[in-house]
Amino acid sequence: MGNYKIFTVNPGSTSTKIALFEGEKKVFSANVSHDAEALAKFETLGDQLAYRKEMIGQLLKENQVDLAGLDACVGRGGGLLAMDGGTYDIDELVLDHSIHAANGVVHPACLGPSIAKEFAEMYGAKAYTVNPPDVDELQDLARMTGIKGVYRMVHLHALNLKETAIRHAESLGKRYEDCNFVVCHIGGGISISAHRGGRMIDGFDIVGGEGPMAPTRCGSVCAADLLKYCEGKDLKEVKKLCTRSGGFVSHTGISDALELTKRAENGDQYAEMLWNTMIYQIEKCIGSMAAALHGKVDAILLGGGMVYSEDLVSQVKEACGWIAPVCAYPGEFEMEAMAAGAGRVLDGKEDVKKYTGVCNFQGFSF
């Protein structure tokens, strides 16, 4: 990547991560904390925009970080309609759809494009969003369900999943587009996906409750059991099991994987069973994605915070190593992934894409 100056912005629930890159080197990074009470005063997500931007500007000033000469600013996306992967120009349609959560999934990351655009305009830079969680590249066979008119759509950690795949392909001396991978992001949420020819042809919808359980997510549950569980309950509260109150939280009231494993090490059999069950479910999902690739898998890639666990990696290798080599990329590199996506466009290795505002799956012709 050329020696471009790229600023990346990733809004979260009570903070906004920022980072400045010069070429591939991260020259500054920080987590801009936001007061929870201050955020609560804003009626809508969009109302937080000026406040978050001001806080970011203040922190940059305090640390004497100069954005002059900026080539690109990248904002974490969200709220967009299903789209192909890649680096997208932040235009008025992206701004409108993201900040108003056109897809119905309201998350602070939806502010990313708007913040990036404002900083880009201040410094005469390009504004991009890279592989937002709205990327959905499912093959046709992965769409249909056993209910007429109900089709599968997915939300995944597309940014980390694709960057992990791109980096591993490069380590093999190959292009991402020429490889087949099963790629996992194992953190607070768990995404497991099949990549073929540079596209995520299948995966589990982590917003909808598919896939393995995670620290705050219930994962796949038998429909009949779920319907029975719903009896007499508020459906809005039940839906939170998909993203907030399921998994470790439902069982133990905690979402910290380190705390759970400490309990297991100290003889808590319930915690041990919960931890091993999650890993077992991950392994089953990896197997299903390998089947989606017809067994032609160049590698199984593990990324995310929980991959720092040697026990987790060891168990996955034992269960799935016969499919393909299992390679660990512990931690998250969302900021690096955003900068890399912008760099590939600035280098001319990829074409910048234009968001159409039209869901890339419109049903079948029959």
Protein backbone atom coordinates (compact mmCIF):
# COMPACT_ATOMS: atom_id res chain seq x y z
CA MET A 1 0.00 0.00 0.00
CA GLY A 2 1.21 3.49 -0.83
CA ASN A 3 2.14 5.91 1.91
CA TYR A 4 -1.40 7.27 2.18
CA LYS A 5 -2.70 9.17 5.18
CA ILE A 6 -5.94 7.47 6.21
CA PHE A 7 -8.18 8.23 9.20
CA THR A 8 -10.56 5.52 10.42
CA VAL A 9 -13.63 5.88 12.64
CA ASN A 10 -15.56 3.09 14.36
CA PRO A 11 -18.45 4.20 16.64
CA GLY A 12 -19.54 1.89 19.45
CA SER A 13 -22.23 2.04 22.13
CA THR A 14 -20.36 4.29 24.58
CA SER A 15 -17.15 5.10 22.70
CA THR A 16 -15.74 5.76 19.25
CA LYS A 17 -12.51 4.10 18.16
CA ILE A 18 -10.29 6.22 15.93
CA ALA A 19 -6.96 5.55 14.25
CA LEU A 20 -4.63 7.36 11.88
CA PHE A 21 -2.49 5.44 9.40
CA GLU A 22 0.43 6.50 7.25
CA GLY A 23 0.79 3.69 4.79
CA GLU A 24 0.43 0.46 6.75
CA LYS A 25 1.77 2.03 9.94
CA LYS A 26 -0.71 3.04 12.64
CA VAL A 27 0.68 6.34 13.92
CA PHE A 28 -2.13 7.14 16.35
CA SER A 29 -5.09 5.35 17.88
CA ALA A 30 -7.49 6.09 20.69
CA ASN A 31 -10.82 5.13 22.16
CA VAL A 32 -12.92 8.26 22.56
CA SER A 33 -15.15 7.68 25.59
CA HIS A 34 -18.66 9.12 25.60
CA ASP A 35 -20.64 9.81 28.74
CA ALA A 36 -23.57 7.38 28.89
CA GLU A 37 -25.84 10.02 30.45
CA ALA A 38 -24.97 12.49 27.70
CA LEU A 39 -25.77 9.92 25.00
CA ALA A 40 -29.08 9.08 26.70
CA LYS A 41 -30.26 12.67 26.23
CA PHE A 42 -30.29 12.28 22.44
CA GLU A 43 -33.62 11.06 21.07
CA THR A 44 -32.22 9.42 17.96
CA LEU A 45 -28.90 7.95 16.90
CA GLY A 46 -28.47 10.72 14.36
CA ASP A 47 -28.74 13.32 17.10
CA GLN A 48 -25.43 12.04 18.52
CA LEU A 49 -23.47 13.01 15.41
CA ALA A 50 -22.34 16.53 16.39
CA TYR A 51 -21.51 15.43 19.95
CA ARG A 52 -19.37 12.49 18.84
CA LYS A 53 -17.59 14.55 16.18
CA GLU A 54 -16.80 17.28 18.71
CA MET A 55 -15.39 14.74 21.18
CA ILE A 56 -13.19 13.21 18.46
CA GLY A 57 -11.93 16.64 17.40
CA GLN A 58 -11.17 17.56 21.00
CA LEU A 59 -9.15 14.39 21.58
CA LEU A 60 -7.19 14.91 18.35
CA LYS A 61 -6.37 18.46 19.42
CA GLU A 62 -5.29 17.36 22.92
CA ASN A 63 -2.91 14.82 21.38
CA GLN A 64 -1.66 17.26 18.71
CA VAL A 65 -2.77 14.96 15.90
CA ASP A 66 -2.88 16.87 12.62
CA LEU A 67 -5.09 15.49 9.83
CA ALA A 68 -3.76 17.92 7.23
CA GLY A 69 -2.90 16.13 4.01
CA LEU A 70 -5.44 13.40 4.66
CA ASP A 71 -6.02 11.14 1.65
CA ALA A 72 -9.07 9.25 2.88
CA CYS A 73 -11.38 8.90 5.85
CA VAL A 74 -13.13 5.58 6.45
CA GLY A 75 -16.21 5.10 8.62
CA ARG A 76 -17.51 1.77 9.88
CA GLY A 77 -20.85 1.24 8.19
CA GLY A 78 -24.21 -0.11 9.23
CA GLY A 79 -27.91 0.30 8.56
CA LEU A 80 -27.51 -0.24 4.81
CA LEU A 81 -29.46 -2.62 2.60
CA ALA A 82 -27.79 -5.91 1.61
CA MET A 83 -24.82 -5.31 -0.65
CA ASP A 84 -21.75 -6.97 -2.14
CA GLY A 85 -18.43 -6.68 -0.33
CA GLY A 86 -15.88 -4.01 -1.13
CA THR A 87 -15.01 -0.36 -0.54
CA TYR A 88 -17.86 2.08 -1.12
CA ASP A 89 -17.87 5.80 -1.74
CA ILE A 90 -19.82 7.62 0.98
CA ASP A 91 -22.40 9.59 -0.97
CA GLU A 92 -25.71 11.16 0.03
CA LEU A 93 -27.58 7.85 -0.29
CA VAL A 94 -25.12 6.05 2.01
CA LEU A 95 -25.41 8.91 4.51
CA ASP A 96 -29.21 8.82 4.46
CA HIS A 97 -29.59 5.04 4.67
CA SER A 98 -26.92 4.53 7.34
CA ILE A 99 -27.95 7.25 9.77
CA HIS A 100 -31.64 6.28 9.46
CA ALA A 101 -30.89 2.52 9.59
CA ALA A 102 -32.68 1.67 6.35
CA ASN A 103 -32.37 -2.05 7.09
CA GLY A 104 -33.95 -1.70 10.53
CA VAL A 105 -30.79 -2.63 12.46
CA VAL A 106 -29.98 0.37 14.67
CA HIS A 107 -26.38 0.34 15.89
CA PRO A 108 -23.91 3.14 16.69
CA ALA A 109 -21.78 1.98 13.74
CA CYS A 110 -24.49 3.54 11.55
CA LEU A 111 -22.90 6.90 12.48
CA GLY A 112 -19.56 5.89 10.96
CA PRO A 113 -20.19 7.09 7.40
CA SER A 114 -21.54 10.47 8.56
CA ILE A 115 -18.57 11.13 10.87
CA ALA A 116 -16.11 10.04 8.17
CA LYS A 117 -17.76 12.24 5.56
CA GLU A 118 -17.57 15.33 7.76
CA PHE A 119 -13.88 14.86 8.53
CA ALA A 120 -13.16 14.08 4.87
CA GLU A 121 -14.82 17.31 3.75
CA MET A 122 -12.84 19.28 6.34
CA TYR A 123 -9.55 18.06 4.87
CA GLY A 124 -10.41 17.55 1.20
CA ALA A 125 -10.12 13.77 1.43
CA LYS A 126 -12.05 10.83 0.00
CA ALA A 127 -14.72 9.25 2.21
CA TYR A 128 -15.27 5.50 2.19
CA THR A 129 -16.95 2.68 4.07
CA VAL A 130 -15.38 -0.79 3.79
CA ASN A 131 -17.18 -4.14 4.03
CA PRO A 132 -19.93 -3.02 6.41
CA PRO A 133 -21.92 -5.65 8.36
CA ASP A 134 -24.61 -5.36 5.68
CA VAL A 135 -22.48 -7.30 3.17
CA ASP A 136 -24.54 -10.27 1.98
CA GLU A 137 -23.11 -12.38 -0.85
CA LEU A 138 -25.03 -15.62 -0.31
CA GLN A 139 -25.24 -18.03 -3.21
CA ASP A 140 -28.77 -18.83 -4.39
CA LEU A 141 -28.84 -22.26 -2.74
CA ALA A 142 -28.31 -20.59 0.64
CA ARG A 143 -31.36 -18.34 0.31
CA MET A 144 -34.46 -20.53 0.37
CA THR A 145 -35.99 -21.83 3.60
CA GLY A 146 -38.74 -24.36 4.34
CA ILE A 147 -41.28 -21.54 4.61
CA LYS A 148 -42.63 -20.10 1.37
CA GLY A 149 -41.73 -16.45 0.98
CA VAL A 150 -39.13 -16.48 3.76
CA TYR A 151 -35.60 -16.13 2.45
CA ARG A 152 -32.31 -16.05 4.28
CA MET A 153 -30.35 -12.83 4.61
CA VAL A 154 -27.21 -12.52 6.74
CA HIS A 155 -25.44 -10.02 8.95
CA LEU A 156 -21.85 -10.95 9.71
CA HIS A 157 -18.58 -9.41 10.91
CA ALA A 158 -17.81 -8.88 7.22
CA LEU A 159 -14.98 -6.39 7.79
CA ASN A 160 -12.89 -8.74 9.95
CA LEU A 161 -13.90 -11.88 8.07
CA LYS A 162 -12.83 -10.58 4.68
CA GLU A 163 -9.66 -8.90 5.94
CA THR A 164 -8.59 -12.13 7.68
CA ALA A 165 -9.17 -14.02 4.43
CA ILE A 166 -7.29 -11.44 2.35
CA ARG A 167 -4.31 -11.49 4.71
CA HIS A 168 -4.14 -15.28 4.85
CA ALA A 169 -4.34 -15.54 1.05
CA GLU A 170 -1.42 -13.11 0.80
CA SER A 171 0.56 -15.24 3.28
CA LEU A 172 0.07 -18.14 0.85
CA GLY A 173 1.22 -16.03 -2.08
CA LYS A 174 -2.30 -16.13 -3.52
CA ARG A 175 -5.21 -13.79 -4.15
CA TYR A 176 -8.30 -13.94 -1.94
CA GLU A 177 -10.32 -14.47 -5.13
CA ASP A 178 -8.40 -17.68 -5.85
CA CYS A 179 -8.96 -19.34 -2.45
CA ASN A 180 -11.64 -21.18 -0.52
CA PHE A 181 -11.80 -20.51 3.22
CA VAL A 182 -14.03 -21.12 6.22
CA VAL A 183 -13.57 -17.90 8.18
CA CYS A 184 -14.69 -17.32 11.77
CA HIS A 185 -14.87 -14.23 13.93
CA ILE A 186 -15.11 -15.40 17.54
CA GLY A 187 -15.73 -12.55 19.97
CA GLY A 188 -18.76 -11.01 21.69
CA GLY A 189 -20.61 -12.17 18.58
CA ILE A 190 -19.58 -15.18 16.50
CA SER A 191 -19.66 -15.19 12.70
CA ILE A 192 -18.87 -18.33 10.71
CA SER A 193 -18.76 -18.06 6.93
CA ALA A 194 -17.79 -19.85 3.73
CA HIS A 195 -15.68 -17.87 1.24
CA ARG A 196 -15.28 -18.98 -2.36
CA GLY A 197 -13.72 -16.96 -5.14
CA GLY A 198 -13.65 -13.76 -3.09
CA ARG A 199 -17.28 -13.94 -1.97
CA MET A 200 -18.98 -15.04 1.26
CA ILE A 201 -21.29 -17.59 -0.30
CA ASP A 202 -22.83 -18.73 2.99
CA GLY A 203 -22.85 -17.88 6.68
CA PHE A 204 -25.03 -17.61 9.76
CA ASP A 205 -27.13 -14.52 10.48
CA ILE A 206 -25.85 -13.40 13.88
CA VAL A 207 -28.51 -10.67 14.18
CA GLY A 208 -31.30 -13.14 13.47
CA GLY A 209 -30.14 -15.76 15.98
CA GLU A 210 -28.41 -18.26 13.69
CA GLY A 211 -25.18 -20.10 14.30
CA PRO A 212 -23.45 -21.01 17.56
CA MET A 213 -24.27 -19.42 20.89
CA ALA A 214 -22.00 -16.52 21.85
CA PRO A 215 -21.42 -14.54 25.05
CA THR A 216 -24.53 -12.41 24.47
CA ARG A 217 -26.33 -14.37 21.73
CA CYS A 218 -28.51 -17.45 21.90
CA GLY A 219 -27.54 -18.94 18.54
CA SER A 220 -29.73 -21.41 16.67
CA VAL A 221 -32.60 -22.91 18.67
CA CYS A 222 -35.23 -25.45 17.58
CA ALA A 223 -38.23 -23.49 16.30
CA ALA A 224 -40.72 -25.55 18.33
CA ASP A 225 -38.73 -25.03 21.54
CA LEU A 226 -38.49 -21.31 20.87
CA LEU A 227 -42.22 -21.01 20.24
CA LYS A 228 -42.91 -22.78 23.53
CA TYR A 229 -40.45 -20.47 25.31
CA CYS A 230 -42.24 -17.41 23.85
CA GLU A 231 -45.59 -18.30 25.42
CA GLY A 232 -46.67 -15.50 27.75
CA LYS A 233 -43.51 -13.45 27.14
CA ASP A 234 -42.94 -10.04 25.54
CA LEU A 235 -41.62 -10.76 22.02
CA LYS A 236 -39.35 -7.69 22.14
CA GLU A 237 -37.63 -9.12 25.18
CA VAL A 238 -37.37 -12.55 23.59
CA LYS A 239 -35.78 -11.00 20.49
CA LYS A 240 -33.00 -9.59 22.67
CA LEU A 241 -31.80 -13.17 23.14
CA CYS A 242 -30.45 -12.94 19.59
CA THR A 243 -28.01 -10.12 20.32
CA ARG A 244 -27.99 -9.01 23.96
CA SER A 245 -29.35 -11.39 26.57
CA GLY A 246 -28.65 -14.86 25.16
CA GLY A 247 -25.66 -17.18 25.47
CA PHE A 248 -23.46 -16.72 28.53
CA VAL A 249 -25.68 -13.88 29.74
CA SER A 250 -28.81 -16.05 29.74
CA HIS A 251 -27.07 -18.84 31.65
CA THR A 252 -24.83 -16.96 34.07
CA GLY A 253 -25.59 -13.25 33.83
CA ILE A 254 -22.05 -12.50 32.58
CA SER A 255 -20.72 -11.92 29.06
CA ASP A 256 -17.01 -12.03 29.84
CA ALA A 257 -15.42 -15.17 28.37
CA LEU A 258 -12.35 -14.78 30.60
CA GLU A 259 -14.54 -14.76 33.70
CA LEU A 260 -16.42 -17.83 32.48
CA THR A 261 -13.22 -19.79 31.84
CA LYS A 262 -11.85 -18.79 35.26
CA ARG A 263 -15.01 -20.19 36.85
CA ALA A 264 -14.55 -23.39 34.86
CA GLU A 265 -10.91 -23.68 35.94
CA ASN A 266 -12.02 -23.26 39.56
CA GLY A 267 -14.31 -26.27 39.32
CA ASP A 268 -17.61 -24.72 38.16
CA GLN A 269 -19.04 -27.57 36.06
CA TYR A 270 -21.88 -25.42 34.71
CA ALA A 271 -19.38 -22.84 33.37
CA GLU A 272 -17.19 -25.60 31.92
CA MET A 273 -20.13 -27.20 30.11
CA LEU A 274 -21.27 -23.82 28.77
CA TRP A 275 -17.79 -22.98 27.43
CA ASN A 276 -17.30 -26.39 25.81
CA THR A 277 -20.82 -26.36 24.35
CA MET A 278 -20.13 -23.05 22.63
CA ILE A 279 -16.93 -24.46 21.12
CA TYR A 280 -18.75 -27.63 20.06
CA GLN A 281 -21.37 -25.52 18.27
CA ILE A 282 -18.62 -23.52 16.55
CA GLU A 283 -17.07 -26.76 15.32
CA LYS A 284 -20.40 -27.99 13.93
CA CYS A 285 -20.93 -24.72 12.09
CA ILE A 286 -17.41 -24.87 10.63
CA GLY A 287 -18.23 -28.35 9.34
CA SER A 288 -21.40 -27.12 7.66
CA MET A 289 -19.52 -24.29 5.92
CA ALA A 290 -16.91 -26.80 4.75
CA ALA A 291 -19.74 -28.82 3.23
CA ALA A 292 -21.02 -25.68 1.49
CA LEU A 293 -17.56 -25.50 -0.13
CA HIS A 294 -17.86 -29.20 -1.11
CA GLY A 295 -14.86 -29.98 1.08
CA LYS A 296 -12.53 -27.85 -1.04
CA VAL A 297 -11.15 -25.75 1.82
CA ASP A 298 -7.69 -24.16 1.72
CA ALA A 299 -7.79 -23.18 5.39
CA ILE A 300 -10.03 -22.61 8.41
CA LEU A 301 -9.31 -19.15 9.78
CA LEU A 302 -10.09 -18.10 13.35
CA GLY A 303 -10.17 -14.41 14.30
CA GLY A 304 -11.58 -12.35 17.17
CA GLY A 305 -10.87 -11.79 20.84
CA MET A 306 -11.69 -15.30 22.09
CA VAL A 307 -9.08 -16.76 19.75
CA TYR A 308 -6.49 -15.70 22.34
CA SER A 309 -7.75 -18.77 24.22
CA GLU A 310 -5.35 -21.64 23.58
CA ASP A 311 -8.01 -24.07 24.74
CA LEU A 312 -10.53 -22.86 22.15
CA VAL A 313 -8.01 -23.01 19.30
CA SER A 314 -6.80 -26.44 20.42
CA GLN A 315 -10.32 -27.87 20.52
CA VAL A 316 -11.18 -26.49 17.07
CA LYS A 317 -7.96 -27.89 15.61
CA GLU A 318 -8.70 -31.32 17.09
CA ALA A 319 -12.27 -31.36 15.79
CA CYS A 320 -11.80 -29.69 12.39
CA GLY A 321 -8.12 -30.05 11.49
CA TRP A 322 -8.94 -33.01 9.24
CA ILE A 323 -10.88 -30.64 6.97
CA ALA A 324 -8.06 -28.16 6.38
CA PRO A 325 -5.27 -26.41 8.30
CA VAL A 326 -6.64 -24.30 11.18
CA CYS A 327 -4.92 -20.90 11.46
CA ALA A 328 -5.42 -18.46 14.34
CA TYR A 329 -5.50 -14.68 13.97
CA PRO A 330 -6.35 -13.62 17.53
CA GLY A 331 -7.82 -10.19 18.19
CA GLU A 332 -9.58 -7.71 15.99
CA PHE A 333 -8.14 -5.46 13.31
CA GLU A 334 -11.17 -3.49 12.20
CA MET A 335 -9.26 -0.22 11.99
CA GLU A 336 -6.47 -1.84 9.96
CA ALA A 337 -9.07 -3.50 7.74
CA MET A 338 -10.79 -0.19 7.01
CA ALA A 339 -7.47 1.49 6.19
CA ALA A 340 -6.42 -1.44 3.99
CA GLY A 341 -9.68 -1.29 2.04
CA ALA A 342 -9.19 2.41 1.33
CA GLY A 343 -5.54 1.77 0.45
CA ARG A 344 -6.45 -0.89 -2.12
CA VAL A 345 -8.73 1.61 -3.86
CA LEU A 346 -6.18 4.43 -3.72
CA ASP A 347 -3.54 2.02 -5.11
CA GLY A 348 -5.86 1.08 -7.98
CA LYS A 349 -5.97 -2.57 -6.90
CA GLU A 350 -9.74 -2.37 -6.40
CA ASP A 351 -12.44 -0.19 -7.90
CA VAL A 352 -14.45 1.92 -5.51
CA LYS A 353 -18.09 0.82 -5.49
CA LYS A 354 -21.30 2.82 -5.55
CA TYR A 355 -24.09 1.91 -3.15
CA THR A 356 -27.34 1.43 -5.05
CA GLY A 357 -29.73 1.55 -2.12
CA VAL A 358 -31.42 -1.55 -3.53
CA CYS A 359 -31.16 -4.88 -1.73
CA ASN A 360 -28.90 -7.14 -3.79
CA PHE A 361 -31.34 -10.05 -3.39
CA GLN A 362 -34.79 -9.38 -4.83
CA GLY A 363 -36.15 -12.90 -4.74
CA PHE A 364 -36.23 -15.50 -7.49
CA SER A 365 -37.92 -15.19 -10.87
CA PHE A 366 -40.22 -18.16 -10.19
